[in-house]
Amino acid sequence: MSAFSAIGEETDVESDDYTPELEPQATWCPGCGDFIVLKALKQALAELGKNPDEVQLMTGIGCSGKLSSYFESYGFHTIHGRALPVARASKLINPELEVIAAGGDGDGYGIGGNHFMHTARENHDMTYIVFNNEVFGLTKGQPSPTSPKGHKSKMTPHGNAKAPMRPLSMALSAGATYVARTAAVNPRQAKEILVEAIEHDGFAHIDFLTQCPTWNKDAKQYVPYIDVQDSDEYDDFELDDMRSAWEMMRTTEDGLYEGKVLTGRFYKDDRRPSYQDEKKERGDLPQTPIAEDYFDDSHDWKRSYEIIDKHK
């Protein structure tokens, strides 16, 4: 019997099914926005009818990396900035798994920025959640790639001299086919965006604003927020038009550091095939997941030198 037989079965799933027995209670600081990411992710997967055996959660280092400890599913706590390459390998080995990667703004946009760019470029079929609190929280408040210019901390007592990066614009220009921003202060929208991202066939990037009351007093709670899909002022851009989406993203990224928090869906492209689909079409990926071979006693294993022609 395959260990993956649960995949694809119709099951009734509750969000509590994703609460582990070993560490059921998260230990983030009181008021941390990470609690809402955890809750929204559980609710989204339950709504989609995914059971824990169908999900693999990869996390990086930092406060956000503890997400996999508080979440019942297959998972792997990687080293700093490396959640995405491990997630990519997992999806290639078993495309039937719902692969989700998560990391902080330092982990994802700083240390792992190279992997972020190329995973988006190749359009790997997975969801990437970046906890964006504009600070390195676990290491006590150093400025991160999204910290605003002038932000003061123990490391920058005279204010951060660097301009923040633009994660939404970067995701779009790199090749992500679903780009959204939500905030911990809007759990309803967060769950809805997570549902859409997980259902999307391709690389879905969610910039998740998560307040850090302990180490980032400047960001407060990202309120009041404006949902661009519900706003008469901002709802005139086209989700599937790259130029229109880019202009809306620039407005959103400029506004965040001026006290205007815009959230919502910014880009969605259903036309471009995922990396996995392209590989299958070219014959570079087997139709049967490689992971299944580990549970097939009749499978004839071959070493790499028996598969790959010698260099001539």
C-alpha atoms as a PDB file:
ATOM      1  CA  MET A   1       0.000   0.000   0.000  1.00  0.00           C
ATOM      2  CA  SER A   2       1.382   3.389  -0.962  1.00  0.00           C
ATOM      3  CA  ALA A   3       2.055   5.974   1.706  1.00  0.00           C
ATOM      4  CA  PHE A   4       0.423   8.479  -0.629  1.00  0.00           C
ATOM      5  CA  SER A   5      -2.901   6.709  -1.004  1.00  0.00           C
ATOM      6  CA  ALA A   6      -4.654   9.462   0.943  1.00  0.00           C
ATOM      7  CA  ILE A   7      -3.994  11.943  -1.832  1.00  0.00           C
ATOM      8  CA  GLY A   8      -7.082  12.710  -3.852  1.00  0.00           C
ATOM      9  CA  GLU A   9      -9.547  11.021  -1.541  1.00  0.00           C
ATOM     10  CA  GLU A  10     -12.701  12.878  -0.542  1.00  0.00           C
ATOM     11  CA  THR A  11     -12.464  13.677   3.154  1.00  0.00           C
ATOM     12  CA  ASP A  12     -14.157  15.964   5.651  1.00  0.00           C
ATOM     13  CA  VAL A  13     -11.480  18.239   7.027  1.00  0.00           C
ATOM     14  CA  GLU A  14     -11.647  20.627   9.960  1.00  0.00           C
ATOM     15  CA  SER A  15      -9.078  23.337  10.643  1.00  0.00           C
ATOM     16  CA  ASP A  16      -8.292  21.640  13.979  1.00  0.00           C
ATOM     17  CA  ASP A  17      -7.012  18.635  12.023  1.00  0.00           C
ATOM     18  CA  TYR A  18      -3.929  20.760  11.338  1.00  0.00           C
ATOM     19  CA  THR A  19      -3.197  21.281  15.045  1.00  0.00           C
ATOM     20  CA  PRO A  20      -0.393  18.936  16.133  1.00  0.00           C
ATOM     21  CA  GLU A  21      -0.486  17.030  19.406  1.00  0.00           C
ATOM     22  CA  LEU A  22       3.179  17.673  20.148  1.00  0.00           C
ATOM     23  CA  GLU A  23       3.114  21.490  19.974  1.00  0.00           C
ATOM     24  CA  PRO A  24      -0.539  22.542  19.766  1.00  0.00           C
ATOM     25  CA  GLN A  25       0.016  26.033  21.165  1.00  0.00           C
ATOM     26  CA  ALA A  26       2.208  28.531  19.318  1.00  0.00           C
ATOM     27  CA  THR A  27       4.671  30.491  21.461  1.00  0.00           C
ATOM     28  CA  TRP A  28       5.068  33.677  19.457  1.00  0.00           C
ATOM     29  CA  CYS A  29       4.985  36.965  21.358  1.00  0.00           C
ATOM     30  CA  PRO A  30       1.545  38.233  22.421  1.00  0.00           C
ATOM     31  CA  GLY A  31       0.095  40.380  19.640  1.00  0.00           C
ATOM     32  CA  CYS A  32       2.312  38.869  16.922  1.00  0.00           C
ATOM     33  CA  GLY A  33       0.719  38.713  13.480  1.00  0.00           C
ATOM     34  CA  ASP A  34       2.103  35.214  12.909  1.00  0.00           C
ATOM     35  CA  PHE A  35      -0.827  33.737  14.847  1.00  0.00           C
ATOM     36  CA  ILE A  36      -3.202  34.896  12.104  1.00  0.00           C
ATOM     37  CA  VAL A  37      -1.077  33.324   9.351  1.00  0.00           C
ATOM     38  CA  LEU A  38      -1.294  29.989  11.152  1.00  0.00           C
ATOM     39  CA  LYS A  39      -5.045  30.279  11.687  1.00  0.00           C
ATOM     40  CA  ALA A  40      -5.779  31.432   8.137  1.00  0.00           C
ATOM     41  CA  LEU A  41      -3.667  28.645   6.618  1.00  0.00           C
ATOM     42  CA  LYS A  42      -5.498  25.992   8.643  1.00  0.00           C
ATOM     43  CA  GLN A  43      -8.861  27.434   7.603  1.00  0.00           C
ATOM     44  CA  ALA A  44      -7.895  27.699   3.928  1.00  0.00           C
ATOM     45  CA  LEU A  45      -6.740  24.085   3.642  1.00  0.00           C
ATOM     46  CA  ALA A  46      -9.825  22.844   5.501  1.00  0.00           C
ATOM     47  CA  GLU A  47     -12.057  24.801   3.123  1.00  0.00           C
ATOM     48  CA  LEU A  48     -10.257  23.217   0.163  1.00  0.00           C
ATOM     49  CA  GLY A  49     -10.810  19.756   1.660  1.00  0.00           C
ATOM     50  CA  LYS A  50      -7.084  19.032   1.899  1.00  0.00           C
ATOM     51  CA  ASN A  51      -6.097  16.672   4.691  1.00  0.00           C
ATOM     52  CA  PRO A  52      -2.682  16.874   6.403  1.00  0.00           C
ATOM     53  CA  ASP A  53      -1.370  13.879   4.432  1.00  0.00           C
ATOM     54  CA  GLU A  54      -1.768  15.876   1.225  1.00  0.00           C
ATOM     55  CA  VAL A  55       0.248  18.887   2.375  1.00  0.00           C
ATOM     56  CA  GLN A  56       3.954  19.588   2.753  1.00  0.00           C
ATOM     57  CA  LEU A  57       5.039  22.773   4.547  1.00  0.00           C
ATOM     58  CA  MET A  58       8.611  24.046   4.169  1.00  0.00           C
ATOM     59  CA  THR A  59       9.858  26.827   6.432  1.00  0.00           C
ATOM     60  CA  GLY A  60      13.014  28.869   6.841  1.00  0.00           C
ATOM     61  CA  ILE A  61      14.759  30.322   9.870  1.00  0.00           C
ATOM     62  CA  GLY A  62      13.234  33.030  12.046  1.00  0.00           C
ATOM     63  CA  CYS A  63      10.004  33.512  13.958  1.00  0.00           C
ATOM     64  CA  SER A  64       8.081  32.477  10.837  1.00  0.00           C
ATOM     65  CA  GLY A  65      10.111  29.258  10.618  1.00  0.00           C
ATOM     66  CA  LYS A  66       8.327  27.953  13.707  1.00  0.00           C
ATOM     67  CA  LEU A  67       5.146  27.698  11.637  1.00  0.00           C
ATOM     68  CA  SER A  68       5.936  24.095  10.695  1.00  0.00           C
ATOM     69  CA  SER A  69       6.214  23.172  14.390  1.00  0.00           C
ATOM     70  CA  TYR A  70       2.653  24.324  15.041  1.00  0.00           C
ATOM     71  CA  PHE A  71       1.176  22.819  11.869  1.00  0.00           C
ATOM     72  CA  GLU A  72       0.218  19.160  11.391  1.00  0.00           C
ATOM     73  CA  SER A  73       1.358  17.996   7.948  1.00  0.00           C
ATOM     74  CA  TYR A  74       4.464  16.737   6.217  1.00  0.00           C
ATOM     75  CA  GLY A  75       7.091  19.379   6.761  1.00  0.00           C
ATOM     76  CA  PHE A  76      10.713  20.389   6.799  1.00  0.00           C
ATOM     77  CA  HIS A  77      12.390  23.188   8.755  1.00  0.00           C
ATOM     78  CA  THR A  78      15.197  24.237   6.412  1.00  0.00           C
ATOM     79  CA  ILE A  79      18.221  26.468   6.948  1.00  0.00           C
ATOM     80  CA  HIS A  80      18.128  30.220   6.417  1.00  0.00           C
ATOM     81  CA  GLY A  81      16.717  31.255   3.051  1.00  0.00           C
ATOM     82  CA  ARG A  82      16.474  27.702   1.699  1.00  0.00           C
ATOM     83  CA  ALA A  83      12.778  26.864   2.044  1.00  0.00           C
ATOM     84  CA  LEU A  84      12.110  27.323  -1.677  1.00  0.00           C
ATOM     85  CA  PRO A  85      14.730  24.969  -3.193  1.00  0.00           C
ATOM     86  CA  VAL A  86      13.666  22.218  -0.777  1.00  0.00           C
ATOM     87  CA  ALA A  87      10.029  22.891  -1.668  1.00  0.00           C
ATOM     88  CA  ARG A  88      10.835  22.728  -5.372  1.00  0.00           C
ATOM     89  CA  ALA A  89      12.532  19.351  -4.998  1.00  0.00           C
ATOM     90  CA  SER A  90       9.603  18.018  -2.988  1.00  0.00           C
ATOM     91  CA  LYS A  91       7.093  19.104  -5.637  1.00  0.00           C
ATOM     92  CA  LEU A  92       9.139  17.547  -8.439  1.00  0.00           C
ATOM     93  CA  ILE A  93       9.412  14.220  -6.622  1.00  0.00           C
ATOM     94  CA  ASN A  94       5.704  14.104  -5.762  1.00  0.00           C
ATOM     95  CA  PRO A  95       3.589  16.608  -7.751  1.00  0.00           C
ATOM     96  CA  GLU A  96       0.452  15.332  -6.015  1.00  0.00           C
ATOM     97  CA  LEU A  97       1.482  16.999  -2.745  1.00  0.00           C
ATOM     98  CA  GLU A  98       0.196  20.498  -2.004  1.00  0.00           C
ATOM     99  CA  VAL A  99       3.511  22.235  -1.366  1.00  0.00           C
ATOM    100  CA  ILE A 100       3.613  25.435   0.691  1.00  0.00           C
ATOM    101  CA  ALA A 101       6.756  27.371   1.606  1.00  0.00           C
ATOM    102  CA  ALA A 102       6.943  30.052   4.275  1.00  0.00           C
ATOM    103  CA  GLY A 103       9.567  32.435   5.581  1.00  0.00           C
ATOM    104  CA  GLY A 104      10.106  35.933   6.909  1.00  0.00           C
ATOM    105  CA  ASP A 105      11.061  39.057   4.982  1.00  0.00           C
ATOM    106  CA  GLY A 106      14.713  38.598   5.980  1.00  0.00           C
ATOM    107  CA  ASP A 107      14.640  34.896   5.152  1.00  0.00           C
ATOM    108  CA  GLY A 108      12.735  35.247   1.882  1.00  0.00           C
ATOM    109  CA  TYR A 109      13.747  38.623   0.464  1.00  0.00           C
ATOM    110  CA  GLY A 110      17.275  38.783   1.916  1.00  0.00           C
ATOM    111  CA  ILE A 111      19.114  35.524   2.515  1.00  0.00           C
ATOM    112  CA  GLY A 112      16.835  33.597   0.149  1.00  0.00           C
ATOM    113  CA  GLY A 113      16.266  36.368  -2.384  1.00  0.00           C
ATOM    114  CA  ASN A 114      18.061  34.500  -5.157  1.00  0.00           C
ATOM    115  CA  HIS A 115      15.833  31.442  -4.710  1.00  0.00           C
ATOM    116  CA  PHE A 116      12.742  33.654  -4.599  1.00  0.00           C
ATOM    117  CA  MET A 117      13.612  35.250  -7.922  1.00  0.00           C
ATOM    118  CA  HIS A 118      14.346  32.000  -9.763  1.00  0.00           C
ATOM    119  CA  THR A 119      11.448  30.015  -8.311  1.00  0.00           C
ATOM    120  CA  ALA A 120       9.145  32.764  -9.565  1.00  0.00           C
ATOM    121  CA  ARG A 121      10.947  32.868 -12.932  1.00  0.00           C
ATOM    122  CA  GLU A 122      10.450  29.147 -13.455  1.00  0.00           C
ATOM    123  CA  ASN A 123       6.837  29.294 -12.195  1.00  0.00           C
ATOM    124  CA  HIS A 124       7.033  26.290  -9.882  1.00  0.00           C
ATOM    125  CA  ASP A 125       3.609  25.120  -8.752  1.00  0.00           C
ATOM    126  CA  MET A 126       3.578  26.083  -5.060  1.00  0.00           C
ATOM    127  CA  THR A 127       2.441  28.744  -2.636  1.00  0.00           C
ATOM    128  CA  TYR A 128       5.011  31.013  -0.991  1.00  0.00           C
ATOM    129  CA  ILE A 129       3.976  32.964   2.117  1.00  0.00           C
ATOM    130  CA  VAL A 130       6.354  35.679   3.275  1.00  0.00           C
ATOM    131  CA  PHE A 131       5.762  37.004   6.798  1.00  0.00           C
ATOM    132  CA  ASN A 132       6.603  40.676   6.281  1.00  0.00           C
ATOM    133  CA  ASN A 133       7.058  42.542   9.562  1.00  0.00           C
ATOM    134  CA  GLU A 134       9.799  44.836   8.222  1.00  0.00           C
ATOM    135  CA  VAL A 135      12.349  43.639  10.782  1.00  0.00           C
ATOM    136  CA  PHE A 136      14.528  40.691  11.814  1.00  0.00           C
ATOM    137  CA  GLY A 137      12.467  39.694  14.835  1.00  0.00           C
ATOM    138  CA  LEU A 138      14.155  36.506  16.049  1.00  0.00           C
ATOM    139  CA  THR A 139      17.560  38.197  16.181  1.00  0.00           C
ATOM    140  CA  LYS A 140      16.179  41.139  18.112  1.00  0.00           C
ATOM    141  CA  GLY A 141      15.319  43.911  15.733  1.00  0.00           C
ATOM    142  CA  GLN A 142      17.922  44.408  13.034  1.00  0.00           C
ATOM    143  CA  PRO A 143      16.584  46.126   9.896  1.00  0.00           C
ATOM    144  CA  SER A 144      15.437  43.749   7.158  1.00  0.00           C
ATOM    145  CA  PRO A 145      15.154  44.218   3.372  1.00  0.00           C
ATOM    146  CA  THR A 146      11.690  45.732   3.855  1.00  0.00           C
ATOM    147  CA  SER A 147      12.520  48.045   6.780  1.00  0.00           C
ATOM    148  CA  PRO A 148      11.670  51.633   5.800  1.00  0.00           C
ATOM    149  CA  LYS A 149      14.405  54.193   5.303  1.00  0.00           C
ATOM    150  CA  GLY A 150      15.018  55.973   8.582  1.00  0.00           C
ATOM    151  CA  HIS A 151      13.870  53.052  10.744  1.00  0.00           C
ATOM    152  CA  LYS A 152      15.759  53.113  14.051  1.00  0.00           C
ATOM    153  CA  SER A 153      16.934  50.011  15.864  1.00  0.00           C
ATOM    154  CA  LYS A 154      19.855  48.835  17.999  1.00  0.00           C
ATOM    155  CA  MET A 155      21.788  48.232  14.792  1.00  0.00           C
ATOM    156  CA  THR A 156      20.789  51.554  13.209  1.00  0.00           C
ATOM    157  CA  PRO A 157      20.464  54.126  16.024  1.00  0.00           C
ATOM    158  CA  HIS A 158      20.688  56.961  13.478  1.00  0.00           C
ATOM    159  CA  GLY A 159      18.088  55.385  11.207  1.00  0.00           C
ATOM    160  CA  ASN A 160      18.219  52.845   8.383  1.00  0.00           C
ATOM    161  CA  ALA A 161      20.085  54.378   5.438  1.00  0.00           C
ATOM    162  CA  LYS A 162      18.742  51.935   2.842  1.00  0.00           C
ATOM    163  CA  ALA A 163      15.529  52.178   0.847  1.00  0.00           C
ATOM    164  CA  PRO A 164      13.254  49.119   1.260  1.00  0.00           C
ATOM    165  CA  MET A 165      12.875  46.606  -1.526  1.00  0.00           C
ATOM    166  CA  ARG A 166       9.560  46.193  -3.339  1.00  0.00           C
ATOM    167  CA  PRO A 167       8.495  42.561  -2.941  1.00  0.00           C
ATOM    168  CA  LEU A 168       5.322  42.725  -5.059  1.00  0.00           C
ATOM    169  CA  SER A 169       7.077  44.351  -8.012  1.00  0.00           C
ATOM    170  CA  MET A 170       9.975  41.938  -7.660  1.00  0.00           C
ATOM    171  CA  ALA A 171       7.671  38.913  -7.732  1.00  0.00           C
ATOM    172  CA  LEU A 172       5.908  40.200 -10.836  1.00  0.00           C
ATOM    173  CA  SER A 173       9.077  41.092 -12.743  1.00  0.00           C
ATOM    174  CA  ALA A 174      10.662  37.746 -11.834  1.00  0.00           C
ATOM    175  CA  GLY A 175       7.724  35.769 -13.264  1.00  0.00           C
ATOM    176  CA  ALA A 176       5.284  34.864 -10.476  1.00  0.00           C
ATOM    177  CA  THR A 177       1.837  34.120 -11.884  1.00  0.00           C
ATOM    178  CA  TYR A 178      -0.143  34.989  -8.743  1.00  0.00           C
ATOM    179  CA  VAL A 179       0.815  37.950  -6.538  1.00  0.00           C
ATOM    180  CA  ALA A 180      -1.135  39.220  -3.545  1.00  0.00           C
ATOM    181  CA  ARG A 181      -0.720  41.101  -0.281  1.00  0.00           C
ATOM    182  CA  THR A 182      -2.778  40.606   2.847  1.00  0.00           C
ATOM    183  CA  ALA A 183      -2.427  41.528   6.507  1.00  0.00           C
ATOM    184  CA  ALA A 184      -2.872  39.866   9.867  1.00  0.00           C
ATOM    185  CA  VAL A 185      -5.462  42.502  10.761  1.00  0.00           C
ATOM    186  CA  ASN A 186      -7.726  41.142   7.999  1.00  0.00           C
ATOM    187  CA  PRO A 187      -8.048  37.381   8.685  1.00  0.00           C
ATOM    188  CA  ARG A 188     -11.080  36.981   6.400  1.00  0.00           C
ATOM    189  CA  GLN A 189      -9.207  38.331   3.383  1.00  0.00           C
ATOM    190  CA  ALA A 190      -6.104  36.363   4.389  1.00  0.00           C
ATOM    191  CA  LYS A 191      -7.987  33.074   4.269  1.00  0.00           C
ATOM    192  CA  GLU A 192      -9.609  33.899   0.925  1.00  0.00           C
ATOM    193  CA  ILE A 193      -6.267  34.836  -0.660  1.00  0.00           C
ATOM    194  CA  LEU A 194      -4.625  31.681   0.684  1.00  0.00           C
ATOM    195  CA  VAL A 195      -7.417  29.569  -0.848  1.00  0.00           C
ATOM    196  CA  GLU A 196      -6.884  31.228  -4.235  1.00  0.00           C
ATOM    197  CA  ALA A 197      -3.096  30.928  -4.039  1.00  0.00           C
ATOM    198  CA  ILE A 198      -3.182  27.239  -3.144  1.00  0.00           C
ATOM    199  CA  GLU A 199      -5.639  26.521  -5.971  1.00  0.00           C
ATOM    200  CA  HIS A 200      -3.495  28.442  -8.471  1.00  0.00           C
ATOM    201  CA  ASP A 201      -1.467  26.313 -10.881  1.00  0.00           C
ATOM    202  CA  GLY A 202       1.920  28.029 -10.773  1.00  0.00           C
ATOM    203  CA  PHE A 203       4.028  30.107  -8.400  1.00  0.00           C
ATOM    204  CA  ALA A 204       1.790  32.044  -6.012  1.00  0.00           C
ATOM    205  CA  HIS A 205       3.451  34.689  -3.851  1.00  0.00           C
ATOM    206  CA  ILE A 206       1.717  36.221  -0.831  1.00  0.00           C
ATOM    207  CA  ASP A 207       3.319  39.160   0.954  1.00  0.00           C
ATOM    208  CA  PHE A 208       1.681  38.786   4.394  1.00  0.00           C
ATOM    209  CA  LEU A 209       1.982  41.881   6.602  1.00  0.00           C
ATOM    210  CA  THR A 210       2.498  40.596  10.148  1.00  0.00           C
ATOM    211  CA  GLN A 211       2.951  43.149  12.900  1.00  0.00           C
ATOM    212  CA  CYS A 212       5.822  42.675  15.369  1.00  0.00           C
ATOM    213  CA  PRO A 213       4.853  44.490  18.597  1.00  0.00           C
ATOM    214  CA  THR A 214       8.085  43.465  20.324  1.00  0.00           C
ATOM    215  CA  TRP A 215      10.795  44.595  17.897  1.00  0.00           C
ATOM    216  CA  ASN A 216       9.100  46.882  15.373  1.00  0.00           C
ATOM    217  CA  LYS A 217       7.100  49.623  17.029  1.00  0.00           C
ATOM    218  CA  ASP A 218       7.020  51.652  13.791  1.00  0.00           C
ATOM    219  CA  ALA A 219       4.827  49.218  11.842  1.00  0.00           C
ATOM    220  CA  LYS A 220       2.181  49.086  14.592  1.00  0.00           C
ATOM    221  CA  GLN A 221      -0.651  46.894  13.241  1.00  0.00           C
ATOM    222  CA  TYR A 222      -0.894  48.002   9.581  1.00  0.00           C
ATOM    223  CA  VAL A 223      -4.230  49.718  10.104  1.00  0.00           C
ATOM    224  CA  PRO A 224      -6.357  51.089   8.683  1.00  0.00           C
ATOM    225  CA  TYR A 225      -6.085  48.905   5.578  1.00  0.00           C
ATOM    226  CA  ILE A 226      -7.847  49.187   2.223  1.00  0.00           C
ATOM    227  CA  ASP A 227      -8.862  46.147   0.172  1.00  0.00           C
ATOM    228  CA  VAL A 228      -8.166  47.205  -3.418  1.00  0.00           C
ATOM    229  CA  GLN A 229     -10.866  44.883  -4.733  1.00  0.00           C
ATOM    230  CA  ASP A 230     -13.484  46.588  -2.538  1.00  0.00           C
ATOM    231  CA  SER A 231     -12.307  50.149  -3.184  1.00  0.00           C
ATOM    232  CA  ASP A 232     -13.807  52.460  -5.815  1.00  0.00           C
ATOM    233  CA  GLU A 233     -10.503  54.333  -5.917  1.00  0.00           C
ATOM    234  CA  TYR A 234      -8.254  51.385  -6.685  1.00  0.00           C
ATOM    235  CA  ASP A 235     -10.412  48.711  -8.377  1.00  0.00           C
ATOM    236  CA  ASP A 236      -9.894  49.860 -11.974  1.00  0.00           C
ATOM    237  CA  PHE A 237      -6.737  47.844 -12.716  1.00  0.00           C
ATOM    238  CA  GLU A 238      -6.762  44.509 -14.560  1.00  0.00           C
ATOM    239  CA  LEU A 239      -5.516  41.456 -12.643  1.00  0.00           C
ATOM    240  CA  ASP A 240      -4.310  39.694 -15.783  1.00  0.00           C
ATOM    241  CA  ASP A 241      -2.587  42.723 -17.317  1.00  0.00           C
ATOM    242  CA  MET A 242       1.049  42.956 -16.238  1.00  0.00           C
ATOM    243  CA  ARG A 243       1.485  46.686 -16.825  1.00  0.00           C
ATOM    244  CA  SER A 244      -1.737  47.565 -15.024  1.00  0.00           C
ATOM    245  CA  ALA A 245      -0.813  45.260 -12.133  1.00  0.00           C
ATOM    246  CA  TRP A 246       2.702  46.721 -11.925  1.00  0.00           C
ATOM    247  CA  GLU A 247       1.354  50.274 -11.659  1.00  0.00           C
ATOM    248  CA  MET A 248      -1.011  49.203  -8.880  1.00  0.00           C
ATOM    249  CA  MET A 249       1.831  47.451  -7.070  1.00  0.00           C
ATOM    250  CA  ARG A 250       3.982  50.580  -7.227  1.00  0.00           C
ATOM    251  CA  THR A 251       1.152  52.610  -5.746  1.00  0.00           C
ATOM    252  CA  THR A 252       0.744  49.985  -3.010  1.00  0.00           C
ATOM    253  CA  GLU A 253       4.440  49.814  -2.187  1.00  0.00           C
ATOM    254  CA  ASP A 254       4.802  53.597  -2.088  1.00  0.00           C
ATOM    255  CA  GLY A 255       1.739  53.950   0.104  1.00  0.00           C
ATOM    256  CA  LEU A 256       2.814  51.459   2.784  1.00  0.00           C
ATOM    257  CA  TYR A 257       5.557  53.745   4.071  1.00  0.00           C
ATOM    258  CA  GLU A 258       3.261  56.755   3.917  1.00  0.00           C
ATOM    259  CA  GLY A 259       0.697  55.170   6.236  1.00  0.00           C
ATOM    260  CA  LYS A 260      -1.666  53.820   3.560  1.00  0.00           C
ATOM    261  CA  VAL A 261      -2.002  50.035   3.707  1.00  0.00           C
ATOM    262  CA  LEU A 262      -3.381  48.571   0.464  1.00  0.00           C
ATOM    263  CA  THR A 263      -4.053  44.834   0.354  1.00  0.00           C
ATOM    264  CA  GLY A 264      -5.650  42.402  -2.078  1.00  0.00           C
ATOM    265  CA  ARG A 265      -4.930  40.543  -5.288  1.00  0.00           C
ATOM    266  CA  PHE A 266      -2.609  42.305  -7.713  1.00  0.00           C
ATOM    267  CA  TYR A 267      -1.805  39.840 -10.489  1.00  0.00           C
ATOM    268  CA  LYS A 268      -3.050  36.500 -11.762  1.00  0.00           C
ATOM    269  CA  ASP A 269      -2.005  34.702 -14.949  1.00  0.00           C
ATOM    270  CA  ASP A 270      -3.774  31.415 -15.678  1.00  0.00           C
ATOM    271  CA  ARG A 271      -2.375  31.120 -19.184  1.00  0.00           C
ATOM    272  CA  ARG A 272       1.239  30.303 -18.461  1.00  0.00           C
ATOM    273  CA  PRO A 273       1.910  26.616 -17.679  1.00  0.00           C
ATOM    274  CA  SER A 274       3.696  25.700 -14.483  1.00  0.00           C
ATOM    275  CA  TYR A 275       7.264  24.404 -14.455  1.00  0.00           C
ATOM    276  CA  GLN A 276       6.005  20.895 -13.696  1.00  0.00           C
ATOM    277  CA  ASP A 277       3.529  20.921 -16.589  1.00  0.00           C
ATOM    278  CA  GLU A 278       6.182  22.123 -19.025  1.00  0.00           C
ATOM    279  CA  LYS A 279       8.602  19.433 -17.887  1.00  0.00           C
ATOM    280  CA  LYS A 280       5.997  16.719 -18.329  1.00  0.00           C
ATOM    281  CA  GLU A 281       5.135  17.974 -21.804  1.00  0.00           C
ATOM    282  CA  ARG A 282       8.809  17.808 -22.786  1.00  0.00           C
ATOM    283  CA  GLY A 283       9.146  14.312 -21.372  1.00  0.00           C
ATOM    284  CA  ASP A 284      11.583  15.419 -18.665  1.00  0.00           C
ATOM    285  CA  LEU A 285       9.315  14.293 -15.831  1.00  0.00           C
ATOM    286  CA  PRO A 286       7.692  10.867 -15.471  1.00  0.00           C
ATOM    287  CA  GLN A 287       3.914  10.666 -15.511  1.00  0.00           C
ATOM    288  CA  THR A 288       3.995   8.620 -12.304  1.00  0.00           C
ATOM    289  CA  PRO A 289       5.487  10.529  -9.341  1.00  0.00           C
ATOM    290  CA  ILE A 290       9.018   9.394  -8.498  1.00  0.00           C
ATOM    291  CA  ALA A 291       7.979   9.155  -4.851  1.00  0.00           C
ATOM    292  CA  GLU A 292       5.664   6.274  -5.726  1.00  0.00           C
ATOM    293  CA  ASP A 293       8.629   4.178  -6.852  1.00  0.00           C
ATOM    294  CA  TYR A 294       9.833   3.872  -3.269  1.00  0.00           C
ATOM    295  CA  PHE A 295       6.717   1.827  -2.503  1.00  0.00           C
ATOM    296  CA  ASP A 296       6.758  -0.294  -5.645  1.00  0.00           C
ATOM    297  CA  ASP A 297       8.567  -3.573  -4.995  1.00  0.00           C
ATOM    298  CA  SER A 298       8.638  -4.363  -8.712  1.00  0.00           C
ATOM    299  CA  HIS A 299      10.325  -1.087  -9.668  1.00  0.00           C
ATOM    300  CA  ASP A 300      13.705  -1.580 -11.337  1.00  0.00           C
ATOM    301  CA  TRP A 301      16.019   0.972  -9.739  1.00  0.00           C
ATOM    302  CA  LYS A 302      18.883   2.340 -11.805  1.00  0.00           C
ATOM    303  CA  ARG A 303      21.903   4.355 -10.814  1.00  0.00           C
ATOM    304  CA  SER A 304      22.613   7.685 -12.468  1.00  0.00           C
ATOM    305  CA  TYR A 305      25.439   6.275 -14.573  1.00  0.00           C
ATOM    306  CA  GLU A 306      22.991   3.729 -15.987  1.00  0.00           C
ATOM    307  CA  ILE A 307      20.544   6.461 -16.983  1.00  0.00           C
ATOM    308  CA  ILE A 308      22.771   9.264 -18.222  1.00  0.00           C
ATOM    309  CA  ASP A 309      24.955   8.768 -21.286  1.00  0.00           C
ATOM    310  CA  LYS A 310      28.660   9.217 -20.701  1.00  0.00           C
ATOM    311  CA  HIS A 311      30.058  12.541 -21.783  1.00  0.00           C
ATOM    312  CA  LYS A 312      31.639  12.308 -25.188  1.00  0.00           C
END
